[in-house]
Amino acid sequence: MSKILKLLGVTTLLSSLAVFTHAAGASAADCGYLFDDFSYSSSGDSSLTAHGWTPRSYAGGPGVPGATWSPSSITFPTEGGQKVMQLTASTDGTGAGTSHAELYSTQKRYLEGTYASRVRFTDTPTAGNDGDHINETFFTISPLNGDLDPTYSELDISEYLPNGGWGETGPINYQTTWYTYRAEPWLADNVHSEQRSSLNGWHDLVATVADGHVKYYIDGVLVGDHSGKFYPRQTMTINWNLWFIDTAAHTGGRSTYIQQVDWVLFAKNQALTPAEVSARTAGYRSAGSTFADTVDTTGGCTPPTNPPSTPPTSPPTTPPSQGDCTNAPEWAFGSVYQGGQTVKHEKSRNGDPSGPPSGEGKHLWKARYWTQGSEPGWTQQWQDLGRC
């Protein structure tokens, strides 16, 4: 989508309470993790879909109208002795002659924690004239359920435009954290950071979603810290795509661009440092592991709350059996809550408050710190005090 951004001010967090742990090295128990180094033969490899990935095949935006999105645009060559996932996009300057590529996680199940991927950006095409407004990305996203959907969540961990686009000259790279948007007429409600230098080559991209802040890192350097209402409010998919913003800068015949991905790592409810991400991925590879998925593992995955400084050695894995909801108001999406305030609410089934309920009944929830638009039961901003 376009990033001609109408930026709104970031709401200041009024208080802070760390509820995420920092993981130990790669020798720590593997719980709540996704790791994949993309050791597949093709986009039709049955292991690719079995491991939870979908090569995009449906038409539509973003990008050039009429362009195709084909699974055949995703391949798995060997680079530097390692298999990589390669996205290929090409254009001859027309919609019918333009192809894009995208791979995304089939399940929408990722929210708080650490997202990381080693990505190779390219400044020039592998064939044809240079200059196209190509967008090379790594992002997470939820569906937009109507214009200005207040539950919409999207983290553009990197959108690299080597030749510019959206009225900007290149190279430029964006990190954008979304609250919501409307397509027609265009209205974007988000906040962004940017870097105006070439990112040609391999880079480690890391984003942590914890304690009301989304922090973005490139090669270990903090490049963005977004908070307030822009903090994600529902589960998302993990995605990479390569697409042309438009064909306005195209010249000559067909031009072809690539983007490569070495690996991806997700750590649920853990704010890993970039160094810890590197240690974890190195641990998987030294052990000969090409894929691991314990994101949905239950029991033993919930980190202790910090503070207190000396948490219990065995934190409770289930909430109290009953909460006193007599004087607690119903949770309201648009209301602001301070740390310590309580509400009653039945969490949604899929992290979308406007969607179906979970069937777990109403619970009593206590805000850990300032929050707005964060549904109880889906983020660490709320403590479960038990069923009403």
Protein backbone atom coordinates (compact mmCIF):
# COMPACT_ATOMS: atom_id res chain seq x y z
CA MET A 1 0.00 0.00 0.00
CA SER A 2 1.11 3.61 -0.48
CA LYS A 3 3.21 5.25 2.16
CA ILE A 4 2.49 8.90 1.29
CA LEU A 5 1.88 9.19 4.95
CA LYS A 6 -0.45 11.38 6.91
CA LEU A 7 1.38 11.12 10.19
CA LEU A 8 -0.42 11.58 13.47
CA GLY A 9 1.27 12.27 16.77
CA VAL A 10 2.27 9.34 18.92
CA THR A 11 0.34 9.05 22.16
CA THR A 12 2.66 9.16 25.17
CA LEU A 13 2.68 6.13 27.41
CA LEU A 14 1.92 7.23 30.95
CA SER A 15 3.57 4.36 32.71
CA SER A 16 5.66 1.32 31.89
CA LEU A 17 5.91 -2.18 33.24
CA ALA A 18 8.12 -4.76 31.59
CA VAL A 19 6.32 -8.04 31.13
CA PHE A 20 8.63 -9.67 28.59
CA THR A 21 11.73 -11.74 29.20
CA HIS A 22 15.02 -11.57 27.38
CA ALA A 23 15.85 -15.03 26.09
CA ALA A 24 19.09 -16.74 26.89
CA GLY A 25 21.35 -18.14 24.18
CA ALA A 26 20.48 -20.81 21.69
CA SER A 27 20.88 -23.50 24.35
CA ALA A 28 17.72 -22.32 26.14
CA ALA A 29 14.62 -24.49 25.93
CA ASP A 30 13.02 -24.12 22.51
CA CYS A 31 9.50 -23.02 23.40
CA GLY A 32 7.34 -20.41 21.68
CA TYR A 33 9.57 -20.15 18.61
CA LEU A 34 9.30 -20.29 14.83
CA PHE A 35 12.47 -20.80 12.79
CA ASP A 36 12.76 -21.55 9.09
CA ASP A 37 15.82 -21.37 6.84
CA PHE A 38 13.79 -22.09 3.69
CA SER A 39 15.33 -25.40 2.66
CA TYR A 40 12.70 -26.17 0.04
CA SER A 41 12.86 -27.34 -3.55
CA SER A 42 10.20 -25.07 -5.07
CA SER A 43 7.04 -23.12 -4.32
CA GLY A 44 5.18 -26.38 -4.96
CA ASP A 45 7.14 -28.28 -2.32
CA SER A 46 4.59 -29.93 -0.01
CA SER A 47 6.83 -29.17 2.98
CA LEU A 48 6.47 -25.44 2.33
CA THR A 49 2.71 -25.49 2.85
CA ALA A 50 2.98 -28.10 5.60
CA HIS A 51 5.26 -25.69 7.47
CA GLY A 52 2.62 -22.96 7.31
CA TRP A 53 3.61 -20.88 4.27
CA THR A 54 1.45 -19.82 1.32
CA PRO A 55 2.85 -18.54 -2.00
CA ARG A 56 0.43 -15.85 -3.14
CA SER A 57 -1.60 -16.60 -6.26
CA TYR A 58 -4.57 -14.22 -6.04
CA ALA A 59 -4.80 -10.93 -7.97
CA GLY A 60 -5.12 -7.43 -6.56
CA GLY A 61 -3.12 -4.79 -4.77
CA PRO A 62 -0.78 -3.47 -3.76
CA GLY A 63 1.06 -2.10 -6.76
CA VAL A 64 0.48 -2.01 -10.50
CA PRO A 65 -3.17 -2.67 -11.46
CA GLY A 66 -3.54 -5.84 -13.52
CA ALA A 67 -0.25 -7.36 -12.35
CA THR A 68 -0.08 -11.07 -11.57
CA TRP A 69 1.06 -12.72 -8.35
CA SER A 70 2.40 -16.15 -9.19
CA PRO A 71 3.82 -18.90 -6.95
CA SER A 72 6.33 -19.56 -9.74
CA SER A 73 7.92 -16.19 -8.87
CA ILE A 74 9.17 -17.81 -5.63
CA THR A 75 12.23 -20.08 -5.89
CA PHE A 76 14.79 -21.56 -3.51
CA PRO A 77 18.32 -21.27 -4.92
CA THR A 78 21.54 -21.87 -2.97
CA GLU A 79 23.58 -18.80 -2.01
CA GLY A 80 26.79 -19.01 0.00
CA GLY A 81 26.18 -22.67 0.76
CA GLN A 82 22.69 -22.03 2.17
CA LYS A 83 19.26 -22.38 0.64
CA VAL A 84 17.43 -19.05 0.40
CA MET A 85 13.93 -18.01 -0.53
CA GLN A 86 14.01 -15.78 -3.63
CA LEU A 87 11.24 -13.44 -4.77
CA THR A 88 11.32 -12.31 -8.41
CA ALA A 89 9.33 -9.43 -9.94
CA SER A 90 9.44 -8.10 -13.48
CA THR A 91 7.71 -5.51 -15.66
CA ASP A 92 7.61 -4.35 -19.24
CA GLY A 93 5.85 -1.15 -18.24
CA THR A 94 2.30 -2.50 -18.59
CA GLY A 95 -0.07 -4.02 -16.07
CA ALA A 96 -0.49 -7.22 -18.06
CA GLY A 97 3.28 -7.49 -18.40
CA THR A 98 4.00 -7.04 -14.69
CA SER A 99 4.49 -9.86 -12.18
CA HIS A 100 4.89 -9.59 -8.40
CA ALA A 101 5.81 -12.15 -5.71
CA GLU A 102 4.72 -12.73 -2.10
CA LEU A 103 5.08 -15.44 0.54
CA TYR A 104 3.02 -15.23 3.74
CA SER A 105 2.22 -17.33 6.78
CA THR A 106 -1.04 -19.21 6.35
CA GLN A 107 -2.05 -18.66 9.99
CA LYS A 108 -2.74 -15.26 11.55
CA ARG A 109 -1.22 -16.02 14.96
CA TYR A 110 1.64 -13.60 15.63
CA LEU A 111 1.41 -10.64 18.00
CA GLU A 112 3.79 -9.74 20.83
CA GLY A 113 7.36 -10.92 20.75
CA THR A 114 10.33 -10.70 18.38
CA TYR A 115 10.25 -10.84 14.58
CA ALA A 116 13.53 -11.27 12.70
CA SER A 117 14.64 -12.12 9.19
CA ARG A 118 17.88 -11.95 7.22
CA VAL A 119 17.05 -10.28 3.93
CA ARG A 120 19.06 -9.39 0.85
CA PHE A 121 17.93 -6.14 -0.75
CA THR A 122 19.05 -5.30 -4.29
CA ASP A 123 19.57 -1.86 -5.83
CA THR A 124 19.66 -2.87 -9.49
CA PRO A 125 17.78 -5.32 -11.70
CA THR A 126 19.20 -8.68 -12.71
CA ALA A 127 18.09 -7.89 -16.27
CA GLY A 128 16.82 -4.83 -18.15
CA ASN A 129 16.94 -1.12 -17.44
CA ASP A 130 17.15 0.23 -13.89
CA GLY A 131 14.96 2.93 -12.38
CA ASP A 132 11.66 1.18 -11.61
CA HIS A 133 9.80 2.02 -8.41
CA ILE A 134 10.31 -1.42 -6.85
CA ASN A 135 9.34 -2.15 -3.22
CA GLU A 136 11.27 -4.86 -1.30
CA THR A 137 9.58 -5.78 2.00
CA PHE A 138 9.34 -7.71 5.26
CA PHE A 139 6.14 -7.05 7.22
CA THR A 140 3.31 -8.35 9.39
CA ILE A 141 -0.36 -7.58 8.78
CA SER A 142 -3.97 -8.31 9.79
CA PRO A 143 -7.07 -7.97 7.58
CA LEU A 144 -8.72 -4.55 7.27
CA ASN A 145 -12.34 -5.11 8.29
CA GLY A 146 -13.81 -2.01 6.67
CA ASP A 147 -12.62 1.57 6.30
CA LEU A 148 -10.66 2.88 9.31
CA ASP A 149 -10.99 -0.45 11.11
CA PRO A 150 -9.86 0.36 14.69
CA THR A 151 -8.48 -3.16 15.23
CA TYR A 152 -6.24 -3.15 12.14
CA SER A 153 -2.60 -3.95 12.83
CA GLU A 154 0.41 -3.78 10.48
CA LEU A 155 4.16 -3.55 11.04
CA ASP A 156 6.23 -2.71 7.98
CA ILE A 157 9.55 -3.88 9.40
CA SER A 158 11.27 -2.78 6.20
CA GLU A 159 10.00 -1.37 2.92
CA TYR A 160 13.07 -0.67 0.80
CA LEU A 161 12.69 1.54 -2.29
CA PRO A 162 16.09 1.63 -4.04
CA ASN A 163 14.76 3.89 -6.80
CA GLY A 164 12.26 5.79 -4.67
CA GLY A 165 8.52 6.05 -5.19
CA TRP A 166 5.48 7.73 -3.63
CA GLY A 167 7.01 11.08 -4.55
CA GLU A 168 10.35 10.28 -2.85
CA THR A 169 13.75 9.81 -4.46
CA GLY A 170 15.72 6.69 -3.63
CA PRO A 171 17.26 4.92 -2.00
CA ILE A 172 14.95 5.12 1.01
CA ASN A 173 13.84 2.53 3.58
CA TYR A 174 10.75 2.78 5.79
CA GLN A 175 9.59 1.25 9.06
CA THR A 176 5.87 1.99 9.42
CA THR A 177 3.55 1.07 12.28
CA TRP A 178 -0.12 1.31 11.38
CA TYR A 179 -3.21 2.18 13.38
CA THR A 180 -5.61 2.04 10.42
CA TYR A 181 -6.34 3.41 6.95
CA ARG A 182 -9.03 4.11 4.37
CA ALA A 183 -8.43 3.32 0.70
CA GLU A 184 -10.92 5.73 -0.95
CA PRO A 185 -10.38 8.59 -0.42
CA TRP A 186 -6.93 7.73 0.90
CA LEU A 187 -6.36 8.32 4.61
CA ALA A 188 -3.40 6.79 6.46
CA ASP A 189 -3.13 6.76 10.24
CA ASN A 190 0.38 5.58 11.09
CA VAL A 191 3.86 6.57 12.23
CA HIS A 192 7.11 5.89 10.42
CA SER A 193 10.90 6.03 10.56
CA GLU A 194 13.17 6.19 7.51
CA GLN A 195 16.76 5.77 6.35
CA ARG A 196 18.01 7.54 3.23
CA SER A 197 20.94 5.38 2.19
CA SER A 198 21.57 2.25 0.15
CA LEU A 199 20.77 -1.09 1.78
CA ASN A 200 22.06 -3.15 -1.13
CA GLY A 201 23.14 -6.54 0.24
CA TRP A 202 22.31 -8.75 3.23
CA HIS A 203 20.82 -7.27 6.43
CA ASP A 204 19.46 -8.62 9.71
CA LEU A 205 16.04 -7.04 10.32
CA VAL A 206 14.59 -7.28 13.83
CA ALA A 207 11.40 -5.88 15.38
CA THR A 208 10.34 -6.33 19.01
CA VAL A 209 6.72 -5.84 20.08
CA ALA A 210 6.72 -5.49 23.86
CA ASP A 211 5.61 -3.23 26.71
CA GLY A 212 3.68 -0.84 24.45
CA HIS A 213 6.63 -0.22 22.10
CA VAL A 214 7.51 -1.50 18.64
CA LYS A 215 11.28 -1.22 18.19
CA TYR A 216 12.97 -1.75 14.84
CA TYR A 217 16.62 -2.70 14.28
CA ILE A 218 18.81 -3.04 11.19
CA ASP A 219 22.05 -4.96 11.72
CA GLY A 220 21.81 -4.40 15.47
CA VAL A 221 21.19 -0.63 15.25
CA LEU A 222 17.92 0.79 16.62
CA VAL A 223 16.27 2.75 13.78
CA GLY A 224 12.71 3.22 15.08
CA ASP A 225 10.68 3.19 18.31
CA HIS A 226 6.91 3.53 17.85
CA SER A 227 4.32 3.44 20.64
CA GLY A 228 0.95 4.72 21.82
CA LYS A 229 -2.13 3.83 19.81
CA PHE A 230 -0.01 2.40 16.98
CA TYR A 231 0.89 -0.64 19.08
CA PRO A 232 -0.66 -3.71 17.34
CA ARG A 233 -4.05 -4.82 18.61
CA GLN A 234 -4.61 -8.20 16.98
CA THR A 235 -2.72 -11.18 15.64
CA MET A 236 -1.02 -10.87 12.24
CA THR A 237 0.58 -12.91 9.48
CA ILE A 238 4.29 -12.78 8.58
CA ASN A 239 4.96 -11.69 4.99
CA TRP A 240 7.57 -10.81 2.40
CA ASN A 241 6.70 -9.35 -0.98
CA LEU A 242 8.36 -7.73 -3.99
CA TRP A 243 6.25 -5.43 -6.12
CA PHE A 244 6.22 -2.35 -8.35
CA ILE A 245 4.54 0.74 -6.92
CA ASP A 246 3.83 1.98 -10.44
CA THR A 247 5.33 1.92 -13.95
CA ALA A 248 5.92 5.67 -14.20
CA ALA A 249 9.72 5.36 -14.15
CA HIS A 250 9.98 2.32 -16.43
CA THR A 251 12.03 2.51 -19.65
CA GLY A 252 12.88 -0.01 -22.33
CA GLY A 253 11.79 -3.64 -22.39
CA ARG A 254 11.42 -6.03 -19.48
CA SER A 255 13.26 -5.38 -16.20
CA THR A 256 13.61 -8.04 -13.51
CA TYR A 257 14.42 -7.58 -9.81
CA ILE A 258 15.01 -10.06 -6.98
CA GLN A 259 14.88 -10.10 -3.18
CA GLN A 260 16.26 -12.99 -1.11
CA VAL A 261 15.49 -14.25 2.40
CA ASP A 262 17.96 -16.45 4.29
CA TRP A 263 15.89 -17.26 7.40
CA VAL A 264 13.05 -16.09 9.64
CA LEU A 265 12.73 -16.25 13.43
CA PHE A 266 9.79 -15.42 15.71
CA ALA A 267 9.97 -15.58 19.53
CA LYS A 268 6.59 -15.40 21.24
CA ASN A 269 6.34 -12.99 24.19
CA GLN A 270 10.11 -12.46 24.24
CA ALA A 271 11.95 -9.22 23.44
CA LEU A 272 15.19 -10.62 22.09
CA THR A 273 18.14 -8.35 21.39
CA PRO A 274 19.65 -8.55 17.89
CA ALA A 275 22.61 -10.41 19.42
CA GLU A 276 20.24 -12.96 20.98
CA VAL A 277 18.52 -13.39 17.60
CA SER A 278 21.89 -14.14 16.00
CA ALA A 279 22.75 -16.64 18.74
CA ARG A 280 19.41 -18.39 18.43
CA THR A 281 19.59 -18.75 14.64
CA ALA A 282 23.20 -19.93 14.84
CA GLY A 283 22.09 -22.51 17.40
CA TYR A 284 19.43 -23.90 15.07
CA ARG A 285 21.87 -24.16 12.21
CA SER A 286 24.69 -25.70 14.22
CA ALA A 287 22.19 -28.33 15.38
CA GLY A 288 21.25 -29.03 11.77
CA SER A 289 17.68 -27.81 12.28
CA THR A 290 16.12 -26.31 9.16
CA PHE A 291 12.64 -25.78 10.63
CA ALA A 292 11.11 -25.55 14.09
CA ASP A 293 7.66 -24.42 15.23
CA THR A 294 6.72 -24.36 18.91
CA VAL A 295 4.74 -21.11 18.76
CA ASP A 296 1.53 -22.78 19.90
CA THR A 297 3.13 -24.98 22.54
CA THR A 298 1.20 -24.81 25.80
CA GLY A 299 2.62 -25.10 29.28
CA GLY A 300 6.02 -23.84 30.30
CA CYS A 301 6.09 -21.11 27.64
CA THR A 302 4.74 -18.23 29.72
CA PRO A 303 7.64 -16.08 30.95
CA PRO A 304 7.59 -14.75 34.51
CA THR A 305 6.51 -11.14 34.97
CA ASN A 306 9.37 -8.69 35.44
CA PRO A 307 9.26 -6.80 37.78
CA PRO A 308 9.21 -8.14 40.48
CA SER A 309 12.98 -8.54 40.48
CA THR A 310 12.76 -12.03 41.98
CA PRO A 311 9.91 -13.76 40.17
CA PRO A 312 8.70 -17.15 41.34
CA THR A 313 10.58 -20.09 39.91
CA SER A 314 7.33 -21.65 38.74
CA PRO A 315 4.93 -18.90 37.63
CA PRO A 316 1.26 -19.89 37.59
CA THR A 317 0.12 -21.15 34.21
CA THR A 318 -3.61 -20.67 34.87
CA PRO A 319 -5.47 -17.58 36.11
CA PRO A 320 -7.42 -17.47 39.36
CA SER A 321 -10.59 -19.51 39.21
CA GLN A 322 -12.93 -16.55 39.63
CA GLY A 323 -12.81 -12.76 39.48
CA ASP A 324 -15.19 -10.33 41.17
CA CYS A 325 -16.70 -8.48 38.21
CA THR A 326 -19.50 -6.78 40.18
CA ASN A 327 -18.18 -3.24 39.86
CA ALA A 328 -16.05 -3.66 36.74
CA PRO A 329 -17.27 -1.92 33.57
CA GLU A 330 -17.37 -3.62 30.20
CA TRP A 331 -14.17 -3.14 28.22
CA ALA A 332 -14.55 -0.56 25.44
CA PHE A 333 -12.16 -0.40 22.50
CA GLY A 334 -11.95 3.40 22.37
CA SER A 335 -11.53 3.99 26.11
CA VAL A 336 -8.20 4.84 27.72
CA TYR A 337 -7.24 2.76 30.78
CA GLN A 338 -4.56 3.50 33.35
CA GLY A 339 -2.48 0.88 35.09
CA GLY A 340 -4.55 -0.86 37.79
CA GLN A 341 -7.99 -0.25 36.28
CA THR A 342 -10.20 -3.31 35.83
CA VAL A 343 -12.73 -4.30 33.17
CA LYS A 344 -14.78 -7.37 32.29
CA HIS A 345 -14.60 -8.84 28.80
CA GLU A 346 -14.84 -12.10 26.88
CA LYS A 347 -11.83 -12.27 24.56
CA SER A 348 -12.48 -12.74 20.86
CA ARG A 349 -11.70 -16.01 19.13
CA ASN A 350 -9.16 -14.61 16.66
CA GLY A 351 -7.92 -11.36 18.16
CA ASP A 352 -10.57 -9.23 16.45
CA PRO A 353 -12.99 -7.69 18.97
CA SER A 354 -15.63 -7.29 16.26
CA GLY A 355 -15.38 -11.00 15.44
CA PRO A 356 -16.82 -14.05 17.18
CA PRO A 357 -16.21 -14.56 20.93
CA SER A 358 -13.86 -17.25 22.22
CA GLY A 359 -16.55 -19.09 24.16
CA GLU A 360 -14.49 -18.80 27.37
CA GLY A 361 -16.95 -16.43 29.04
CA LYS A 362 -16.26 -13.03 30.54
CA HIS A 363 -13.13 -12.56 32.62
CA LEU A 364 -11.96 -9.81 34.94
CA TRP A 365 -8.90 -8.02 33.55
CA LYS A 366 -6.51 -5.51 35.12
CA ALA A 367 -4.50 -3.04 33.01
CA ARG A 368 -0.77 -3.42 33.64
CA TYR A 369 -0.12 0.12 32.35
CA TRP A 370 -1.68 2.73 30.09
CA THR A 371 -3.56 1.14 27.21
CA GLN A 372 -6.12 1.92 24.53
CA GLY A 373 -7.48 -0.33 21.80
CA SER A 374 -5.66 -3.39 23.15
CA GLU A 375 -8.11 -6.26 23.63
CA PRO A 376 -7.89 -8.09 26.98
CA GLY A 377 -6.77 -11.65 26.45
CA TRP A 378 -4.71 -10.93 23.34
CA THR A 379 -1.91 -8.68 24.60
CA GLN A 380 0.32 -8.50 27.65
CA GLN A 381 -1.16 -5.12 28.52
CA TRP A 382 -3.88 -6.91 30.52
CA GLN A 383 -3.61 -9.30 33.45
CA ASP A 384 -6.25 -12.04 33.67
CA LEU A 385 -7.82 -12.04 37.16
CA GLY A 386 -10.13 -14.96 36.45
CA ARG A 387 -13.54 -15.76 35.07
CA CYS A 388 -16.45 -13.69 36.30
